[in-house]
Amino acid sequence: MSIDSKELEVRRKKLLFRGGHRGTKENDILIGRFMEAHLATLSEEQLERFEILMNDVPDADFFKWATGKEQAPEEYDTDVLHMIQELSNAR
């Protein structure tokens, strides 16, 4: 079921706020770069995968995966994480 563009925009705004307030400066920078480059053009499915990364993954794990220090578990190893990794020069 697809949602309307207004709801997608609300989700993007919430992610923009949450992504800039993760808790660690390093993650704020990584996520900030990603959001600046991609947030406006993410599909509904990609927004959902980004929300999962923001809501379910602890800061330390996210940083290790985003920078390529550790391999992310399969359920988190998505196109969205790969986009973040490219911006962190991990790929």
N, C-alpha and C. Protein backbone atom coordinates (compact mmCIF):
# COMPACT_ATOMS: atom_id res chain seq x y z
N MET A 1 0.83 -1.18 0.00
CA MET A 1 0.00 0.00 0.00
C MET A 1 0.88 1.24 0.00
N SER A 2 0.68 2.08 -0.95
CA SER A 2 1.48 3.28 -1.09
C SER A 2 0.86 4.43 -0.30
N ILE A 3 1.70 5.29 0.22
CA ILE A 3 1.19 6.45 0.95
C ILE A 3 1.32 7.69 0.08
N ASP A 4 0.60 8.75 0.45
CA ASP A 4 0.63 9.94 -0.38
C ASP A 4 1.88 10.77 -0.14
N SER A 5 2.12 11.70 -1.04
CA SER A 5 3.34 12.50 -1.00
C SER A 5 3.42 13.37 0.24
N LYS A 6 2.28 13.79 0.77
CA LYS A 6 2.28 14.61 1.98
C LYS A 6 2.81 13.82 3.18
N GLU A 7 2.36 12.57 3.27
CA GLU A 7 2.83 11.71 4.36
C GLU A 7 4.32 11.39 4.22
N LEU A 8 4.76 11.18 2.98
CA LEU A 8 6.20 10.95 2.75
C LEU A 8 7.00 12.16 3.19
N GLU A 9 6.50 13.34 2.92
CA GLU A 9 7.21 14.56 3.31
C GLU A 9 7.29 14.68 4.83
N VAL A 10 6.23 14.32 5.53
CA VAL A 10 6.24 14.34 7.00
C VAL A 10 7.28 13.36 7.52
N ARG A 11 7.32 12.16 6.93
CA ARG A 11 8.33 11.17 7.34
C ARG A 11 9.73 11.69 7.10
N ARG A 12 9.95 12.34 5.97
CA ARG A 12 11.29 12.90 5.67
C ARG A 12 11.68 13.95 6.70
N LYS A 13 10.73 14.81 7.08
CA LYS A 13 11.03 15.85 8.07
C LYS A 13 11.37 15.25 9.42
N LYS A 14 10.64 14.22 9.82
CA LYS A 14 10.94 13.56 11.09
C LYS A 14 12.33 12.93 11.06
N LEU A 15 12.65 12.29 9.94
CA LEU A 15 13.96 11.67 9.79
C LEU A 15 15.06 12.71 9.78
N LEU A 16 14.80 13.84 9.17
CA LEU A 16 15.79 14.92 9.12
C LEU A 16 16.13 15.37 10.53
N PHE A 17 15.13 15.51 11.38
CA PHE A 17 15.38 15.91 12.76
C PHE A 17 16.10 14.80 13.52
N ARG A 18 15.55 13.58 13.47
CA ARG A 18 16.15 12.46 14.22
C ARG A 18 17.56 12.15 13.75
N GLY A 19 17.76 12.21 12.45
CA GLY A 19 19.08 11.88 11.91
C GLY A 19 20.16 12.84 12.35
N GLY A 20 19.80 14.07 12.63
CA GLY A 20 20.77 15.06 13.09
C GLY A 20 20.98 15.05 14.58
N HIS A 21 20.29 14.18 15.29
CA HIS A 21 20.36 14.13 16.74
C HIS A 21 20.51 12.69 17.23
N ARG A 22 21.43 11.96 16.65
CA ARG A 22 21.62 10.55 16.99
C ARG A 22 22.27 10.36 18.35
N GLY A 23 23.13 11.23 18.73
CA GLY A 23 23.81 11.06 20.01
C GLY A 23 25.32 11.16 19.91
N THR A 24 25.88 10.76 18.77
CA THR A 24 27.32 10.91 18.60
C THR A 24 27.58 11.84 17.42
N LYS A 25 28.57 12.65 17.57
CA LYS A 25 28.92 13.62 16.52
C LYS A 25 29.26 12.91 15.21
N GLU A 26 29.98 11.80 15.31
CA GLU A 26 30.39 11.07 14.11
C GLU A 26 29.18 10.60 13.31
N ASN A 27 28.20 10.01 14.01
CA ASN A 27 27.00 9.55 13.33
C ASN A 27 26.18 10.71 12.79
N ASP A 28 26.11 11.79 13.55
CA ASP A 28 25.39 12.97 13.06
C ASP A 28 25.98 13.45 11.74
N ILE A 29 27.30 13.43 11.63
CA ILE A 29 27.96 13.87 10.39
C ILE A 29 27.66 12.90 9.25
N LEU A 30 27.82 11.60 9.50
CA LEU A 30 27.55 10.60 8.45
C LEU A 30 26.11 10.67 7.97
N ILE A 31 25.20 10.70 8.92
CA ILE A 31 23.78 10.72 8.56
C ILE A 31 23.41 12.05 7.91
N GLY A 32 24.01 13.12 8.39
CA GLY A 32 23.76 14.43 7.79
C GLY A 32 24.16 14.47 6.33
N ARG A 33 25.33 13.92 6.01
CA ARG A 33 25.78 13.85 4.61
C ARG A 33 24.81 13.04 3.77
N PHE A 34 24.39 11.90 4.31
CA PHE A 34 23.46 11.04 3.58
C PHE A 34 22.14 11.77 3.32
N MET A 35 21.62 12.40 4.36
CA MET A 35 20.32 13.07 4.20
C MET A 35 20.42 14.23 3.21
N GLU A 36 21.50 14.96 3.27
CA GLU A 36 21.68 16.07 2.34
C GLU A 36 21.71 15.57 0.89
N ALA A 37 22.35 14.44 0.68
CA ALA A 37 22.51 13.91 -0.67
C ALA A 37 21.29 13.14 -1.16
N HIS A 38 20.57 12.45 -0.27
CA HIS A 38 19.58 11.48 -0.74
C HIS A 38 18.17 11.57 -0.15
N LEU A 39 17.99 12.21 0.99
CA LEU A 39 16.70 12.13 1.68
C LEU A 39 15.53 12.54 0.79
N ALA A 40 15.67 13.59 0.04
CA ALA A 40 14.57 14.11 -0.77
C ALA A 40 14.14 13.17 -1.89
N THR A 41 15.02 12.24 -2.26
CA THR A 41 14.71 11.38 -3.40
C THR A 41 14.52 9.91 -3.03
N LEU A 42 14.56 9.58 -1.75
CA LEU A 42 14.36 8.20 -1.34
C LEU A 42 12.94 7.75 -1.64
N SER A 43 12.82 6.52 -2.09
CA SER A 43 11.50 5.93 -2.31
C SER A 43 10.86 5.63 -0.94
N GLU A 44 9.60 5.29 -0.98
CA GLU A 44 8.91 4.91 0.25
C GLU A 44 9.60 3.72 0.92
N GLU A 45 10.01 2.74 0.14
CA GLU A 45 10.68 1.56 0.68
C GLU A 45 12.05 1.92 1.27
N GLN A 46 12.77 2.81 0.60
CA GLN A 46 14.07 3.23 1.12
C GLN A 46 13.90 4.04 2.40
N LEU A 47 12.86 4.87 2.46
CA LEU A 47 12.58 5.61 3.70
C LEU A 47 12.35 4.63 4.85
N GLU A 48 11.62 3.57 4.56
CA GLU A 48 11.36 2.57 5.59
C GLU A 48 12.66 1.92 6.06
N ARG A 49 13.55 1.59 5.14
CA ARG A 49 14.84 0.98 5.52
C ARG A 49 15.69 1.98 6.31
N PHE A 50 15.64 3.25 5.95
CA PHE A 50 16.38 4.27 6.69
C PHE A 50 15.79 4.44 8.09
N GLU A 51 14.47 4.43 8.20
CA GLU A 51 13.83 4.52 9.52
C GLU A 51 14.25 3.36 10.41
N ILE A 52 14.35 2.17 9.85
CA ILE A 52 14.79 1.00 10.63
C ILE A 52 16.20 1.22 11.15
N LEU A 53 17.09 1.71 10.30
CA LEU A 53 18.45 2.00 10.75
C LEU A 53 18.46 3.04 11.87
N MET A 54 17.63 4.07 11.73
CA MET A 54 17.59 5.13 12.74
C MET A 54 16.96 4.67 14.05
N ASN A 55 15.94 3.82 13.96
CA ASN A 55 15.18 3.45 15.15
C ASN A 55 15.70 2.21 15.86
N ASP A 56 16.26 1.27 15.11
CA ASP A 56 16.56 -0.05 15.68
C ASP A 56 18.04 -0.31 15.96
N VAL A 57 18.92 0.47 15.38
CA VAL A 57 20.35 0.16 15.46
C VAL A 57 21.05 1.11 16.44
N PRO A 58 21.73 0.54 17.43
CA PRO A 58 22.50 1.38 18.38
C PRO A 58 23.60 2.16 17.65
N ASP A 59 23.93 3.31 18.18
CA ASP A 59 24.93 4.20 17.57
C ASP A 59 26.25 3.49 17.26
N ALA A 60 26.75 2.72 18.20
CA ALA A 60 28.05 2.07 18.00
C ALA A 60 28.01 1.11 16.82
N ASP A 61 26.95 0.32 16.72
CA ASP A 61 26.83 -0.62 15.61
C ASP A 61 26.68 0.14 14.29
N PHE A 62 25.83 1.15 14.29
CA PHE A 62 25.63 1.92 13.07
C PHE A 62 26.95 2.48 12.56
N PHE A 63 27.74 3.05 13.44
CA PHE A 63 29.01 3.66 13.03
C PHE A 63 29.95 2.61 12.43
N LYS A 64 30.05 1.45 13.06
CA LYS A 64 30.92 0.40 12.54
C LYS A 64 30.47 -0.07 11.16
N TRP A 65 29.17 -0.21 10.97
CA TRP A 65 28.65 -0.65 9.68
C TRP A 65 28.80 0.44 8.63
N ALA A 66 28.49 1.68 9.00
CA ALA A 66 28.52 2.79 8.04
C ALA A 66 29.93 3.07 7.55
N THR A 67 30.91 2.82 8.40
CA THR A 67 32.30 3.10 8.03
C THR A 67 33.03 1.85 7.52
N GLY A 68 32.32 0.73 7.46
CA GLY A 68 32.92 -0.50 6.94
C GLY A 68 33.84 -1.21 7.91
N LYS A 69 33.83 -0.81 9.17
CA LYS A 69 34.67 -1.47 10.18
C LYS A 69 34.18 -2.88 10.47
N GLU A 70 32.86 -3.07 10.35
CA GLU A 70 32.24 -4.38 10.53
C GLU A 70 31.17 -4.57 9.47
N GLN A 71 30.92 -5.81 9.11
CA GLN A 71 29.85 -6.15 8.18
C GLN A 71 28.52 -6.09 8.92
N ALA A 72 27.54 -5.43 8.36
CA ALA A 72 26.21 -5.37 8.95
C ALA A 72 25.51 -6.72 8.79
N PRO A 73 24.68 -7.08 9.76
CA PRO A 73 23.87 -8.29 9.58
C PRO A 73 23.00 -8.15 8.32
N GLU A 74 22.65 -9.26 7.74
CA GLU A 74 21.94 -9.27 6.46
C GLU A 74 20.71 -8.38 6.45
N GLU A 75 19.92 -8.37 7.52
CA GLU A 75 18.69 -7.59 7.53
C GLU A 75 18.92 -6.08 7.48
N TYR A 76 20.13 -5.64 7.82
CA TYR A 76 20.46 -4.21 7.77
C TYR A 76 21.36 -3.86 6.60
N ASP A 77 21.89 -4.85 5.92
CA ASP A 77 22.81 -4.64 4.80
C ASP A 77 22.00 -4.34 3.54
N THR A 78 21.50 -3.12 3.45
CA THR A 78 20.57 -2.72 2.39
C THR A 78 21.18 -1.66 1.48
N ASP A 79 20.44 -1.33 0.45
CA ASP A 79 20.88 -0.26 -0.45
C ASP A 79 21.07 1.06 0.29
N VAL A 80 20.25 1.31 1.30
CA VAL A 80 20.37 2.56 2.06
C VAL A 80 21.68 2.58 2.84
N LEU A 81 22.01 1.49 3.50
CA LEU A 81 23.29 1.43 4.21
C LEU A 81 24.44 1.58 3.22
N HIS A 82 24.33 0.97 2.06
CA HIS A 82 25.38 1.10 1.04
C HIS A 82 25.54 2.55 0.59
N MET A 83 24.45 3.28 0.49
CA MET A 83 24.52 4.70 0.12
C MET A 83 25.26 5.49 1.20
N ILE A 84 24.99 5.16 2.45
CA ILE A 84 25.68 5.83 3.57
C ILE A 84 27.16 5.48 3.53
N GLN A 85 27.47 4.21 3.30
CA GLN A 85 28.86 3.76 3.23
C GLN A 85 29.62 4.47 2.11
N GLU A 86 28.99 4.67 0.98
CA GLU A 86 29.66 5.38 -0.11
C GLU A 86 30.04 6.80 0.29
N LEU A 87 29.18 7.45 1.04
CA LEU A 87 29.48 8.81 1.48
C LEU A 87 30.52 8.84 2.58
N SER A 88 30.70 7.72 3.29
CA SER A 88 31.71 7.67 4.35
C SER A 88 33.04 7.13 3.82
N ASN A 89 33.09 6.87 2.50
CA ASN A 89 34.26 6.32 1.85
C ASN A 89 34.58 4.90 2.31
N ALA A 90 33.56 4.18 2.81
CA ALA A 90 33.74 2.79 3.22
C ALA A 90 33.65 1.84 2.04
N ARG A 91 33.11 2.32 0.91
CA ARG A 91 32.95 1.47 -0.28
C ARG A 91 33.82 2.01 -1.39
